[in-house]
Amino acid sequence: MRDLWTALALVLVIEGILYALLPETMKRIAARAVAIPSQVLRIAGLLCAVIGVALVWLVRR
């Protein structure tokens, strides 16, 4: 469980750094995301989750 909280904290760190260093770029990315169909976002999110699980599995092996 400790690893999960560490991972979530790192996500916040990375997102925070991106918004702090590149606020205008992040706004443009968010605006573009609105135009992408929900189904495409869902599939992309699922694909990223699967890749993330695979990477964690490989690293922890």
Foldseek 3Di string as FASTA:
>chain_A
DVVVVVVVVVVVVVVVVCCVVPVPVVVVVVVVVVVDDPVVVVVVVVVVVVVVVVVVVVVVD
